[in-house]
């Protein structure tokens, strides 16, 4: 009930006291009309393509494209996780006094 009353009062106040100044709808619409640029439309094979449809189909610019593909990021994360697991296993074996052949590709001391 309160929501309905508040909406009614807001509607009445907007009719009785219209907004003035830079934030009023009249000022904004007048300013947009004076500075508005026409939407660019590229003609398709049979009819023009609207600008908003064209913007969705354009490729991603090079400046915003990620430098490393996502599948490489996942692969590197898994590789590092496997290496860390191997190091932990070697440390646990060393703490128990067992010799563990800890090696990985590119290790300086290969067994």
PDB file of N, CA and C in Angstrom:
ATOM      1  N   UNK A   1       0.827  -1.201   0.000  1.00  0.00           N
ATOM      2  CA  UNK A   1       0.000   0.000   0.000  1.00  0.00           C
ATOM      3  C   UNK A   1       0.865   1.257   0.000  1.00  0.00           C
ATOM      4  N   UNK A   2       1.954   1.196   0.829  1.00  0.00           N
ATOM      5  CA  UNK A   2       2.817   2.375   0.905  1.00  0.00           C
ATOM      6  C   UNK A   2       3.493   2.643  -0.439  1.00  0.00           C
ATOM      7  N   UNK A   3       3.842   1.580  -1.140  1.00  0.00           N
ATOM      8  CA  UNK A   3       4.491   1.734  -2.436  1.00  0.00           C
ATOM      9  C   UNK A   3       3.554   2.426  -3.425  1.00  0.00           C
ATOM     10  N   UNK A   4       2.306   2.061  -3.421  1.00  0.00           N
ATOM     11  CA  UNK A   4       1.324   2.679  -4.315  1.00  0.00           C
ATOM     12  C   UNK A   4       1.148   4.158  -3.989  1.00  0.00           C
ATOM     13  N   UNK A   5       1.085   4.473  -2.694  1.00  0.00           N
ATOM     14  CA  UNK A   5       0.928   5.872  -2.281  1.00  0.00           C
ATOM     15  C   UNK A   5       2.159   6.684  -2.689  1.00  0.00           C
ATOM     16  N   UNK A   6       3.344   6.111  -2.491  1.00  0.00           N
ATOM     17  CA  UNK A   6       4.574   6.819  -2.849  1.00  0.00           C
ATOM     18  C   UNK A   6       4.647   7.056  -4.357  1.00  0.00           C
ATOM     19  N   UNK A   7       4.256   6.076  -5.150  1.00  0.00           N
ATOM     20  CA  UNK A   7       4.244   6.263  -6.604  1.00  0.00           C
ATOM     21  C   UNK A   7       3.262   7.356  -7.019  1.00  0.00           C
ATOM     22  N   UNK A   8       2.091   7.362  -6.392  1.00  0.00           N
ATOM     23  CA  UNK A   8       1.087   8.377  -6.728  1.00  0.00           C
ATOM     24  C   UNK A   8       1.597   9.768  -6.371  1.00  0.00           C
ATOM     25  N   UNK A   9       2.195   9.909  -5.187  1.00  0.00           N
ATOM     26  CA  UNK A   9       2.731  11.211  -4.790  1.00  0.00           C
ATOM     27  C   UNK A   9       3.876  11.651  -5.709  1.00  0.00           C
ATOM     28  N   UNK A  10       4.721  10.732  -6.094  1.00  0.00           N
ATOM     29  CA  UNK A  10       5.818  11.066  -7.012  1.00  0.00           C
ATOM     30  C   UNK A  10       5.264  11.537  -8.350  1.00  0.00           C
ATOM     31  N   UNK A  11       4.252  10.849  -8.856  1.00  0.00           N
ATOM     32  CA  UNK A  11       3.639  11.229 -10.125  1.00  0.00           C
ATOM     33  C   UNK A  11       3.039  12.627 -10.040  1.00  0.00           C
ATOM     34  N   UNK A  12       2.322  12.917  -8.948  1.00  0.00           N
ATOM     35  CA  UNK A  12       1.689  14.236  -8.776  1.00  0.00           C
ATOM     36  C   UNK A  12       2.757  15.323  -8.677  1.00  0.00           C
ATOM     37  N   UNK A  13       3.821  15.069  -7.917  1.00  0.00           N
ATOM     38  CA  UNK A  13       4.871  16.078  -7.768  1.00  0.00           C
ATOM     39  C   UNK A  13       5.602  16.328  -9.084  1.00  0.00           C
ATOM     40  N   UNK A  14       5.772  15.296  -9.896  1.00  0.00           N
ATOM     41  CA  UNK A  14       6.421  15.503 -11.193  1.00  0.00           C
ATOM     42  C   UNK A  14       5.560  16.348 -12.123  1.00  0.00           C
ATOM     43  N   UNK A  15       4.244  16.225 -11.988  1.00  0.00           N
ATOM     44  CA  UNK A  15       3.357  17.048 -12.817  1.00  0.00           C
ATOM     45  C   UNK A  15       3.329  18.485 -12.306  1.00  0.00           C
ATOM     46  N   UNK A  16       3.232  18.653 -10.982  1.00  0.00           N
ATOM     47  CA  UNK A  16       3.132  19.992 -10.417  1.00  0.00           C
ATOM     48  C   UNK A  16       4.456  20.748 -10.425  1.00  0.00           C
ATOM     49  N   UNK A  17       5.560  20.054 -10.153  1.00  0.00           N
ATOM     50  CA  UNK A  17       6.869  20.697 -10.076  1.00  0.00           C
ATOM     51  C   UNK A  17       7.822  20.018 -11.061  1.00  0.00           C
ATOM     52  N   UNK A  18       7.798  20.421 -12.332  1.00  0.00           N
ATOM     53  CA  UNK A  18       8.688  19.778 -13.300  1.00  0.00           C
ATOM     54  C   UNK A  18      10.154  20.091 -12.991  1.00  0.00           C
ATOM     55  N   UNK A  19      11.009  19.189 -13.353  1.00  0.00           N
ATOM     56  CA  UNK A  19      12.441  19.351 -13.082  1.00  0.00           C
ATOM     57  C   UNK A  19      13.019  20.469 -13.942  1.00  0.00           C
ATOM     58  N   UNK A  20      13.979  21.184 -13.375  1.00  0.00           N
ATOM     59  CA  UNK A  20      14.651  22.247 -14.093  1.00  0.00           C
ATOM     60  C   UNK A  20      16.156  22.071 -13.897  1.00  0.00           C
ATOM     61  N   UNK A  21      16.924  22.652 -14.768  1.00  0.00           N
ATOM     62  CA  UNK A  21      18.368  22.602 -14.600  1.00  0.00           C
ATOM     63  C   UNK A  21      19.023  21.587 -15.530  1.00  0.00           C
ATOM     64  N   UNK A  22      20.294  21.287 -15.244  1.00  0.00           N
ATOM     65  CA  UNK A  22      21.079  20.447 -16.129  1.00  0.00           C
ATOM     66  C   UNK A  22      20.649  18.985 -16.091  1.00  0.00           C
ATOM     67  N   UNK A  23      20.042  18.536 -15.006  1.00  0.00           N
ATOM     68  CA  UNK A  23      19.678  17.129 -14.883  1.00  0.00           C
ATOM     69  C   UNK A  23      18.238  16.844 -15.293  1.00  0.00           C
ATOM     70  N   UNK A  24      17.547  17.809 -15.808  1.00  0.00           N
ATOM     71  CA  UNK A  24      16.172  17.574 -16.243  1.00  0.00           C
ATOM     72  C   UNK A  24      16.171  16.854 -17.588  1.00  0.00           C
ATOM     73  N   UNK A  25      15.069  16.170 -17.873  1.00  0.00           N
ATOM     74  CA  UNK A  25      14.968  15.413 -19.123  1.00  0.00           C
ATOM     75  C   UNK A  25      14.988  16.353 -20.327  1.00  0.00           C
ATOM     76  N   UNK A  26      14.393  17.520 -20.212  1.00  0.00           N
ATOM     77  CA  UNK A  26      14.372  18.465 -21.321  1.00  0.00           C
ATOM     78  C   UNK A  26      15.765  18.942 -21.687  1.00  0.00           C
ATOM     79  N   UNK A  27      16.578  19.234 -20.700  1.00  0.00           N
ATOM     80  CA  UNK A  27      17.938  19.686 -20.953  1.00  0.00           C
ATOM     81  C   UNK A  27      18.774  18.570 -21.580  1.00  0.00           C
ATOM     82  N   UNK A  28      18.636  17.363 -21.073  1.00  0.00           N
ATOM     83  CA  UNK A  28      19.409  16.237 -21.595  1.00  0.00           C
ATOM     84  C   UNK A  28      19.017  15.947 -23.038  1.00  0.00           C
ATOM     85  N   UNK A  29      17.720  15.940 -23.333  1.00  0.00           N
ATOM     86  CA  UNK A  29      17.269  15.661 -24.696  1.00  0.00           C
ATOM     87  C   UNK A  29      17.724  16.748 -25.668  1.00  0.00           C
ATOM     88  N   UNK A  30      17.684  18.007 -25.250  1.00  0.00           N
ATOM     89  CA  UNK A  30      18.126  19.095 -26.113  1.00  0.00           C
ATOM     90  C   UNK A  30      19.624  18.992 -26.376  1.00  0.00           C
ATOM     91  N   UNK A  31      20.390  18.630 -25.339  1.00  0.00           N
ATOM     92  CA  UNK A  31      21.837  18.503 -25.499  1.00  0.00           C
ATOM     93  C   UNK A  31      22.183  17.319 -26.398  1.00  0.00           C
ATOM     94  N   UNK A  32      21.467  16.204 -26.261  1.00  0.00           N
ATOM     95  CA  UNK A  32      21.723  15.042 -27.101  1.00  0.00           C
ATOM     96  C   UNK A  32      21.384  15.317 -28.559  1.00  0.00           C
ATOM     97  N   UNK A  33      20.327  16.056 -28.787  1.00  0.00           N
ATOM     98  CA  UNK A  33      19.917  16.346 -30.161  1.00  0.00           C
ATOM     99  C   UNK A  33      20.957  17.215 -30.869  1.00  0.00           C
ATOM    100  N   UNK A  34      21.612  18.108 -30.124  1.00  0.00           N
ATOM    101  CA  UNK A  34      22.576  18.992 -30.757  1.00  0.00           C
ATOM    102  C   UNK A  34      23.914  18.299 -31.018  1.00  0.00           C
ATOM    103  N   UNK A  35      24.271  17.293 -30.215  1.00  0.00           N
ATOM    104  CA  UNK A  35      25.576  16.643 -30.368  1.00  0.00           C
ATOM    105  C   UNK A  35      25.475  15.219 -30.887  1.00  0.00           C
ATOM    106  N   UNK A  36      24.299  14.758 -31.216  1.00  0.00           N
ATOM    107  CA  UNK A  36      24.134  13.365 -31.635  1.00  0.00           C
ATOM    108  C   UNK A  36      24.751  13.143 -33.010  1.00  0.00           C
ATOM    109  N   UNK A  37      25.434  11.997 -33.151  1.00  0.00           N
ATOM    110  CA  UNK A  37      25.999  11.618 -34.433  1.00  0.00           C
ATOM    111  C   UNK A  37      25.144  10.497 -35.006  1.00  0.00           C
ATOM    112  N   UNK A  38      25.018  10.454 -36.302  1.00  0.00           N
ATOM    113  CA  UNK A  38      24.217   9.376 -36.878  1.00  0.00           C
ATOM    114  C   UNK A  38      24.893   8.030 -36.667  1.00  0.00           C
ATOM    115  N   UNK A  39      24.089   7.010 -36.436  1.00  0.00           N
ATOM    116  CA  UNK A  39      24.626   5.661 -36.263  1.00  0.00           C
ATOM    117  C   UNK A  39      25.137   5.172 -37.609  1.00  0.00           C
ATOM    118  N   UNK A  40      26.332   4.638 -37.599  1.00  0.00           N
ATOM    119  CA  UNK A  40      26.910   4.141 -38.831  1.00  0.00           C
ATOM    120  C   UNK A  40      26.228   2.840 -39.224  1.00  0.00           C
ATOM    121  N   UNK A  41      25.859   2.741 -40.476  1.00  0.00           N
ATOM    122  CA  UNK A  41      25.187   1.553 -40.985  1.00  0.00           C
ATOM    123  C   UNK A  41      25.942   1.091 -42.217  1.00  0.00           C
ATOM    124  N   UNK A  42      26.328  -0.177 -42.208  1.00  0.00           N
ATOM    125  CA  UNK A  42      27.012  -0.747 -43.362  1.00  0.00           C
ATOM    126  C   UNK A  42      26.016  -1.604 -44.108  1.00  0.00           C
ATOM    127  N   UNK A  43      25.984  -1.439 -45.388  1.00  0.00           N
ATOM    128  CA  UNK A  43      25.013  -2.175 -46.187  1.00  0.00           C
ATOM    129  C   UNK A  43      25.433  -3.621 -46.336  1.00  0.00           C
ATOM    130  N   UNK A  44      24.497  -4.498 -46.066  1.00  0.00           N
ATOM    131  CA  UNK A  44      24.722  -5.918 -46.246  1.00  0.00           C
ATOM    132  C   UNK A  44      24.336  -6.321 -47.655  1.00  0.00           C
ATOM    133  N   UNK A  45      24.285  -7.614 -47.935  1.00  0.00           N
ATOM    134  CA  UNK A  45      23.950  -8.050 -49.287  1.00  0.00           C
ATOM    135  C   UNK A  45      22.531  -7.674 -49.699  1.00  0.00           C
ATOM    136  N   UNK A  46      21.584  -7.663 -48.758  1.00  0.00           N
ATOM    137  CA  UNK A  46      20.199  -7.355 -49.124  1.00  0.00           C
ATOM    138  C   UNK A  46      19.641  -6.147 -48.400  1.00  0.00           C
ATOM    139  N   UNK A  47      20.144  -5.874 -47.199  1.00  0.00           N
ATOM    140  CA  UNK A  47      19.616  -4.735 -46.435  1.00  0.00           C
ATOM    141  C   UNK A  47      20.702  -4.196 -45.509  1.00  0.00           C
ATOM    142  N   UNK A  48      20.536  -2.974 -44.973  1.00  0.00           N
ATOM    143  CA  UNK A  48      21.567  -2.395 -44.104  1.00  0.00           C
ATOM    144  C   UNK A  48      21.661  -3.147 -42.771  1.00  0.00           C
ATOM    145  N   UNK A  49      22.857  -3.174 -42.207  1.00  0.00           N
ATOM    146  CA  UNK A  49      23.101  -3.814 -40.915  1.00  0.00           C
ATOM    147  C   UNK A  49      23.157  -2.710 -39.859  1.00  0.00           C
ATOM    148  N   UNK A  50      22.324  -2.780 -38.815  1.00  0.00           N
ATOM    149  CA  UNK A  50      22.366  -1.752 -37.768  1.00  0.00           C
ATOM    150  C   UNK A  50      23.717  -1.753 -37.051  1.00  0.00           C
ATOM    151  N   UNK A  51      24.063  -0.610 -36.472  1.00  0.00           N
ATOM    152  CA  UNK A  51      25.366  -0.454 -35.835  1.00  0.00           C
ATOM    153  C   UNK A  51      25.525  -1.380 -34.634  1.00  0.00           C
ATOM    154  N   UNK A  52      24.454  -1.582 -33.834  1.00  0.00           N
ATOM    155  CA  UNK A  52      24.592  -2.421 -32.642  1.00  0.00           C
ATOM    156  C   UNK A  52      24.824  -3.888 -33.018  1.00  0.00           C
ATOM    157  N   UNK A  53      24.266  -4.339 -34.136  1.00  0.00           N
ATOM    158  CA  UNK A  53      24.499  -5.710 -34.584  1.00  0.00           C
ATOM    159  C   UNK A  53      25.919  -5.835 -35.113  1.00  0.00           C
ATOM    160  N   UNK A  54      26.366  -4.831 -35.830  1.00  0.00           N
ATOM    161  CA  UNK A  54      27.715  -4.845 -36.375  1.00  0.00           C
ATOM    162  C   UNK A  54      28.757  -4.845 -35.257  1.00  0.00           C
ATOM    163  N   UNK A  55      28.499  -4.101 -34.178  1.00  0.00           N
ATOM    164  CA  UNK A  55      29.450  -4.037 -33.067  1.00  0.00           C
ATOM    165  C   UNK A  55      29.608  -5.387 -32.380  1.00  0.00           C
ATOM    166  N   UNK A  56      28.540  -6.183 -32.332  1.00  0.00           N
ATOM    167  CA  UNK A  56      28.628  -7.496 -31.695  1.00  0.00           C
ATOM    168  C   UNK A  56      29.384  -8.497 -32.552  1.00  0.00           C
ATOM    169  N   UNK A  57      29.469  -8.274 -33.853  1.00  0.00           N
ATOM    170  CA  UNK A  57      30.101  -9.243 -34.733  1.00  0.00           C
ATOM    171  C   UNK A  57      31.546  -8.901 -35.070  1.00  0.00           C
ATOM    172  N   UNK A  58      32.029  -7.737 -34.663  1.00  0.00           N
ATOM    173  CA  UNK A  58      33.410  -7.364 -34.951  1.00  0.00           C
ATOM    174  C   UNK A  58      34.365  -8.199 -34.107  1.00  0.00           C
ATOM    175  N   UNK A  59      35.550  -8.511 -34.620  1.00  0.00           N
ATOM    176  CA  UNK A  59      36.512  -9.281 -33.827  1.00  0.00           C
ATOM    177  C   UNK A  59      37.062  -8.449 -32.679  1.00  0.00           C
ATOM    178  N   UNK A  60      37.605  -9.137 -31.678  1.00  0.00           N
ATOM    179  CA  UNK A  60      38.179  -8.457 -30.519  1.00  0.00           C
ATOM    180  C   UNK A  60      39.467  -7.765 -30.948  1.00  0.00           C
ATOM    181  N   UNK A  61      39.651  -6.497 -30.572  1.00  0.00           N
ATOM    182  CA  UNK A  61      40.894  -5.808 -30.941  1.00  0.00           C
ATOM    183  C   UNK A  61      42.106  -6.482 -30.294  1.00  0.00           C
ATOM    184  N   UNK A  62      43.256  -6.358 -30.940  1.00  0.00           N
ATOM    185  CA  UNK A  62      44.480  -6.996 -30.449  1.00  0.00           C
ATOM    186  C   UNK A  62      44.871  -6.479 -29.077  1.00  0.00           C
ATOM    187  N   UNK A  63      44.569  -5.212 -28.783  1.00  0.00           N
ATOM    188  CA  UNK A  63      44.995  -4.634 -27.508  1.00  0.00           C
ATOM    189  C   UNK A  63      44.264  -5.240 -26.323  1.00  0.00           C
ATOM    190  N   UNK A  64      43.041  -5.748 -26.512  1.00  0.00           N
ATOM    191  CA  UNK A  64      42.283  -6.314 -25.398  1.00  0.00           C
ATOM    192  C   UNK A  64      42.299  -7.831 -25.395  1.00  0.00           C
ATOM    193  N   UNK A  65      42.870  -8.448 -26.421  1.00  0.00           N
ATOM    194  CA  UNK A  65      42.932  -9.904 -26.489  1.00  0.00           C
ATOM    195  C   UNK A  65      43.980 -10.409 -25.500  1.00  0.00           C
ATOM    196  N   UNK A  66      43.698 -11.488 -24.761  1.00  0.00           N
ATOM    197  CA  UNK A  66      44.699 -11.992 -23.824  1.00  0.00           C
ATOM    198  C   UNK A  66      45.958 -12.457 -24.554  1.00  0.00           C
ATOM    199  N   UNK A  67      47.104 -12.251 -23.926  1.00  0.00           N
ATOM    200  CA  UNK A  67      48.368 -12.583 -24.556  1.00  0.00           C
ATOM    201  C   UNK A  67      48.610 -14.089 -24.612  1.00  0.00           C
ATOM    202  N   UNK A  68      48.118 -14.821 -23.602  1.00  0.00           N
ATOM    203  CA  UNK A  68      48.311 -16.266 -23.540  1.00  0.00           C
ATOM    204  C   UNK A  68      46.943 -16.926 -23.632  1.00  0.00           C
ATOM    205  N   UNK A  69      46.785 -17.918 -24.499  1.00  0.00           N
ATOM    206  CA  UNK A  69      45.485 -18.598 -24.589  1.00  0.00           C
ATOM    207  C   UNK A  69      45.149 -19.313 -23.290  1.00  0.00           C
ATOM    208  N   UNK A  70      43.873 -19.453 -23.037  1.00  0.00           N
ATOM    209  CA  UNK A  70      43.412 -20.034 -21.784  1.00  0.00           C
ATOM    210  C   UNK A  70      43.869 -21.472 -21.619  1.00  0.00           C
ATOM    211  N   UNK A  71      43.908 -22.246 -22.713  1.00  0.00           N
ATOM    212  CA  UNK A  71      44.312 -23.641 -22.575  1.00  0.00           C
ATOM    213  C   UNK A  71      45.773 -23.751 -22.137  1.00  0.00           C
ATOM    214  N   UNK A  72      46.610 -22.774 -22.524  1.00  0.00           N
ATOM    215  CA  UNK A  72      48.000 -22.790 -22.071  1.00  0.00           C
ATOM    216  C   UNK A  72      48.112 -22.446 -20.595  1.00  0.00           C
ATOM    217  N   UNK A  73      47.272 -21.519 -20.128  1.00  0.00           N
ATOM    218  CA  UNK A  73      47.284 -21.158 -18.715  1.00  0.00           C
ATOM    219  C   UNK A  73      46.902 -22.365 -17.872  1.00  0.00           C
ATOM    220  N   UNK A  74      45.881 -23.111 -18.288  1.00  0.00           N
ATOM    221  CA  UNK A  74      45.440 -24.292 -17.554  1.00  0.00           C
ATOM    222  C   UNK A  74      46.526 -25.361 -17.580  1.00  0.00           C
ATOM    223  N   UNK A  75      47.166 -25.558 -18.739  1.00  0.00           N
ATOM    224  CA  UNK A  75      48.206 -26.571 -18.842  1.00  0.00           C
ATOM    225  C   UNK A  75      49.387 -26.241 -17.927  1.00  0.00           C
ATOM    226  N   UNK A  76      49.813 -24.976 -17.902  1.00  0.00           N
ATOM    227  CA  UNK A  76      50.925 -24.574 -17.040  1.00  0.00           C
ATOM    228  C   UNK A  76      50.566 -24.729 -15.571  1.00  0.00           C
ATOM    229  N   UNK A  77      49.325 -24.393 -15.200  1.00  0.00           N
ATOM    230  CA  UNK A  77      48.900 -24.541 -13.816  1.00  0.00           C
ATOM    231  C   UNK A  77      48.935 -26.012 -13.400  1.00  0.00           C
ATOM    232  N   UNK A  78      48.464 -26.902 -14.275  1.00  0.00           N
ATOM    233  CA  UNK A  78      48.493 -28.332 -13.968  1.00  0.00           C
ATOM    234  C   UNK A  78      49.923 -28.848 -13.887  1.00  0.00           C
ATOM    235  N   UNK A  79      50.792 -28.396 -14.782  1.00  0.00           N
ATOM    236  CA  UNK A  79      52.187 -28.816 -14.777  1.00  0.00           C
ATOM    237  C   UNK A  79      52.872 -28.396 -13.477  1.00  0.00           C
ATOM    238  N   UNK A  80      52.652 -27.135 -13.046  1.00  0.00           N
ATOM    239  CA  UNK A  80      53.251 -26.655 -11.803  1.00  0.00           C
ATOM    240  C   UNK A  80      52.694 -27.416 -10.608  1.00  0.00           C
ATOM    241  N   UNK A  81      51.413 -27.755 -10.642  1.00  0.00           N
ATOM    242  CA  UNK A  81      50.806 -28.513  -9.548  1.00  0.00           C
ATOM    243  C   UNK A  81      51.424 -29.910  -9.458  1.00  0.00           C
ATOM    244  N   UNK A  82      51.673 -30.544 -10.617  1.00  0.00           N
ATOM    245  CA  UNK A  82      52.303 -31.866 -10.620  1.00  0.00           C
ATOM    246  C   UNK A  82      53.731 -31.786 -10.089  1.00  0.00           C
ATOM    247  N   UNK A  83      54.473 -30.734 -10.472  1.00  0.00           N
ATOM    248  CA  UNK A  83      55.836 -30.563  -9.977  1.00  0.00           C
ATOM    249  C   UNK A  83      55.846 -30.355  -8.467  1.00  0.00           C
ATOM    250  N   UNK A  84      54.908 -29.543  -7.968  1.00  0.00           N
ATOM    251  CA  UNK A  84      54.844 -29.290  -6.533  1.00  0.00           C
ATOM    252  C   UNK A  84      54.516 -30.580  -5.782  1.00  0.00           C
ATOM    253  N   UNK A  85      53.612 -31.379  -6.319  1.00  0.00           N
ATOM    254  CA  UNK A  85      53.263 -32.652  -5.698  1.00  0.00           C
ATOM    255  C   UNK A  85      54.482 -33.573  -5.657  1.00  0.00           C
ATOM    256  N   UNK A  86      55.251 -33.586  -6.736  1.00  0.00           N
ATOM    257  CA  UNK A  86      56.467 -34.399  -6.796  1.00  0.00           C
ATOM    258  C   UNK A  86      57.484 -33.935  -5.757  1.00  0.00           C
ATOM    259  N   UNK A  87      57.674 -32.612  -5.626  1.00  0.00           N
ATOM    260  CA  UNK A  87      58.607 -32.092  -4.632  1.00  0.00           C
ATOM    261  C   UNK A  87      58.175 -32.442  -3.219  1.00  0.00           C
ATOM    262  N   UNK A  88      56.891 -32.356  -2.941  1.00  0.00           N
ATOM    263  CA  UNK A  88      56.399 -32.716  -1.605  1.00  0.00           C
ATOM    264  C   UNK A  88      56.617 -34.196  -1.316  1.00  0.00           C
ATOM    265  N   UNK A  89      56.374 -35.033  -2.322  1.00  0.00           N
ATOM    266  CA  UNK A  89      56.582 -36.461  -2.149  1.00  0.00           C
ATOM    267  C   UNK A  89      58.063 -36.751  -1.887  1.00  0.00           C
ATOM    268  N   UNK A  90      58.969 -36.062  -2.605  1.00  0.00           N
ATOM    269  CA  UNK A  90      60.403 -36.252  -2.387  1.00  0.00           C
ATOM    270  C   UNK A  90      60.813 -35.771  -0.999  1.00  0.00           C
ATOM    271  N   UNK A  91      60.247 -34.655  -0.529  1.00  0.00           N
ATOM    272  CA  UNK A  91      60.577 -34.149   0.803  1.00  0.00           C
ATOM    273  C   UNK A  91      60.078 -35.098   1.889  1.00  0.00           C
ATOM    274  N   UNK A  92      58.887 -35.652   1.691  1.00  0.00           N
ATOM    275  CA  UNK A  92      58.365 -36.601   2.677  1.00  0.00           C
ATOM    276  C   UNK A  92      59.223 -37.859   2.727  1.00  0.00           C
ATOM    277  N   UNK A  93      59.658 -38.345   1.566  1.00  0.00           N
ATOM    278  CA  UNK A  93      60.518 -39.533   1.535  1.00  0.00           C
ATOM    279  C   UNK A  93      61.869 -39.230   2.182  1.00  0.00           C
ATOM    280  N   UNK A  94      62.408 -38.030   1.951  1.00  0.00           N
ATOM    281  CA  UNK A  94      63.696 -37.660   2.549  1.00  0.00           C
ATOM    282  C   UNK A  94      63.580 -37.544   4.059  1.00  0.00           C
ATOM    283  N   UNK A  95      62.447 -37.048   4.565  1.00  0.00           N
ATOM    284  CA  UNK A  95      62.290 -36.931   6.016  1.00  0.00           C
ATOM    285  C   UNK A  95      62.197 -38.303   6.683  1.00  0.00           C
ATOM    286  N   UNK A  96      61.754 -39.328   5.940  1.00  0.00           N
ATOM    287  CA  UNK A  96      61.697 -40.692   6.478  1.00  0.00           C
ATOM    288  C   UNK A  96      62.993 -41.454   6.221  1.00  0.00           C
ATOM    289  N   UNK A  97      63.924 -40.844   5.518  1.00  0.00           N
ATOM    290  CA  UNK A  97      65.208 -41.475   5.267  1.00  0.00           C
ATOM    291  C   UNK A  97      65.246 -42.327   4.015  1.00  0.00           C
ATOM    292  N   UNK A  98      64.258 -42.223   3.164  1.00  0.00           N
ATOM    293  CA  UNK A  98      64.234 -42.997   1.928  1.00  0.00           C
ATOM    294  C   UNK A  98      64.802 -42.168   0.782  1.00  0.00           C
ATOM    295  N   UNK A  99      65.431 -42.849  -0.153  1.00  0.00           N
ATOM    296  CA  UNK A  99      65.946 -42.174  -1.339  1.00  0.00           C
ATOM    297  C   UNK A  99      64.839 -42.143  -2.391  1.00  0.00           C
ATOM    298  N   UNK A 100      64.490 -40.964  -2.851  1.00  0.00           N
ATOM    299  CA  UNK A 100      63.414 -40.810  -3.834  1.00  0.00           C
ATOM    300  C   UNK A 100      64.010 -40.187  -5.086  1.00  0.00           C
ATOM    301  N   UNK A 101      63.910 -40.840  -6.230  1.00  0.00           N
ATOM    302  CA  UNK A 101      64.510 -40.274  -7.458  1.00  0.00           C
ATOM    303  C   UNK A 101      63.679 -39.100  -7.972  1.00  0.00           C
ATOM    304  N   UNK A 102      63.920 -37.928  -7.387  1.00  0.00           N
ATOM    305  CA  UNK A 102      63.172 -36.730  -7.765  1.00  0.00           C
ATOM    306  C   UNK A 102      63.790 -36.130  -9.010  1.00  0.00           C
ATOM    307  N   UNK A 103      63.069 -36.175 -10.092  1.00  0.00           N
ATOM    308  CA  UNK A 103      63.559 -35.582 -11.329  1.00  0.00           C
ATOM    309  C   UNK A 103      62.372 -35.055 -12.139  1.00  0.00           C
ATOM    310  N   UNK A 104      62.678 -34.126 -12.978  1.00  0.00           N
ATOM    311  CA  UNK A 104      61.672 -33.530 -13.852  1.00  0.00           C
ATOM    312  C   UNK A 104      62.374 -33.061 -15.116  1.00  0.00           C
ATOM    313  N   UNK A 105      61.655 -32.799 -16.187  1.00  0.00           N
ATOM    314  CA  UNK A 105      62.311 -32.340 -17.418  1.00  0.00           C
ATOM    315  C   UNK A 105      63.035 -31.023 -17.181  1.00  0.00           C
ATOM    316  N   UNK A 106      64.309 -30.996 -17.550  1.00  0.00           N
ATOM    317  CA  UNK A 106      65.105 -29.785 -17.368  1.00  0.00           C
ATOM    318  C   UNK A 106      65.827 -29.747 -16.047  1.00  0.00           C
ATOM    319  N   UNK A 107      65.788 -30.840 -15.258  1.00  0.00           N
ATOM    320  CA  UNK A 107      66.487 -30.871 -13.975  1.00  0.00           C
ATOM    321  C   UNK A 107      67.996 -30.839 -14.215  1.00  0.00           C
ATOM    322  N   UNK A 108      68.719 -30.148 -13.346  1.00  0.00           N
ATOM    323  CA  UNK A 108      70.166 -30.036 -13.534  1.00  0.00           C
ATOM    324  C   UNK A 108      70.889 -31.319 -13.155  1.00  0.00           C
ATOM    325  N   UNK A 109      70.365 -32.045 -12.197  1.00  0.00           N
ATOM    326  CA  UNK A 109      71.010 -33.286 -11.738  1.00  0.00           C
ATOM    327  C   UNK A 109      70.090 -34.456 -12.032  1.00  0.00           C
ATOM    328  N   UNK A 110      70.127 -34.940 -13.242  1.00  0.00           N
ATOM    329  CA  UNK A 110      69.274 -36.053 -13.622  1.00  0.00           C
ATOM    330  C   UNK A 110      69.871 -37.355 -13.096  1.00  0.00           C
ATOM    331  N   UNK A 111      69.022 -38.251 -12.646  1.00  0.00           N
ATOM    332  CA  UNK A 111      69.475 -39.524 -12.089  1.00  0.00           C
ATOM    333  C   UNK A 111      69.567 -40.556 -13.193  1.00  0.00           C
TER     334      UNK A 111
END
